Amino acid sequence: MAKQHGNGLADSPTADDKNASNSQDVEMHGYGRQPGGERFSIVIPVLNEIDNLPVFIGELDDLISRKQLREIGEIVFVDDGSTDGTLDFLDSLAADKSKGYSVRVLKRSTKLGSANAELAGCKIATYDTILKMDSDMQHPIRYIEDLVRAWNPGLDLLVASRYLEGGGNDWSPLRGIISRSAQMIARIFIRNSGKLSDPLSGFFVLRKDLVLRLLPVINTKKLLLYVLATKRDIRVGEIPYVMKDRLGGESKIVDNSMKFVQQYFIEILTYWKLARKIKRASDRGGS
């Protein structure tokens, strides 16, 4: 089940809101689309993921075969200087023309942050609908089908949430407290984050046009927050998912300390300032 929120900046709807005749929020039961429709680009930032990529591709190919998931048109990998064999694996994957999707690899020599890599990948994507996820298996492959089927043209953004009923994670209580603290900060500075139960998610679908005007960012991690900060009347939906621990390698995002919250506070302020800058530029262009 996907939950869709309409215009405005309200929080998730109450039961009374859903029953109100003038409510702008609806719940969509089942999947919003039929197999074989709109094509998707999957965008994945990578850095030294050789322990995870073979498993990721194996499970993805199995899902596509079993579910006839023809909507997956390409995968765009953005590599920020891997040194562990990741690039050799991706080059071999890109050369394999037997799959039902194409593979493109954007190679960069400097690590500029995962949000920067994701933004670069989204901007060069072939298709207008983009599914952003990670390759470390924290975003289980099976939820790709849920996102693809629940997507509909009335949305700007569809987010896989750990905090909807049916969602969850394998985190320690301390990491959960740290994540919730970062969400509270986001809701203070980025009003649209109040539309989502999980505004720090890294697993979502969005329309490509939402990122085309975004300015480059350096050393930030959450593209979703950037999009939420810069699109005022964004139309969002959510599905639940259970986040897993990394299969292998080290996390590029989270540590179990309050330093994580401090980093996100700085990142959220960065997006808030960039949103104001983009709005001023837009206002000047329209005058």
Foldseek 3Di string as FASTA:
>chain_A
DKWWAAWDLAFEDDPVLAPDPPRRTHDDPDFDDDAPDAAEEEEEEDAQCPVQQVVLVVVLQVCCVVVVRLRHAEYEYEYAAHDNCPVVVQVVQQVDPPDSYHYHYHYHPHAFEALLRRLVRLQPDPGQKYWYDYRQCLAPSVCVVVQVRRDDPVAFKEAADQPDVVHHEDDDPLQVVLQVLLLVLLCVQQSNSSHDPRQQGRTMMGGSVLSNLADRHGHDYGNSSLSSRQDRTGIYMYDYYYGYDGPDDDDPQDDSDNVNSVRSNVVSVVSNVRNVVSVVVVVVVVD
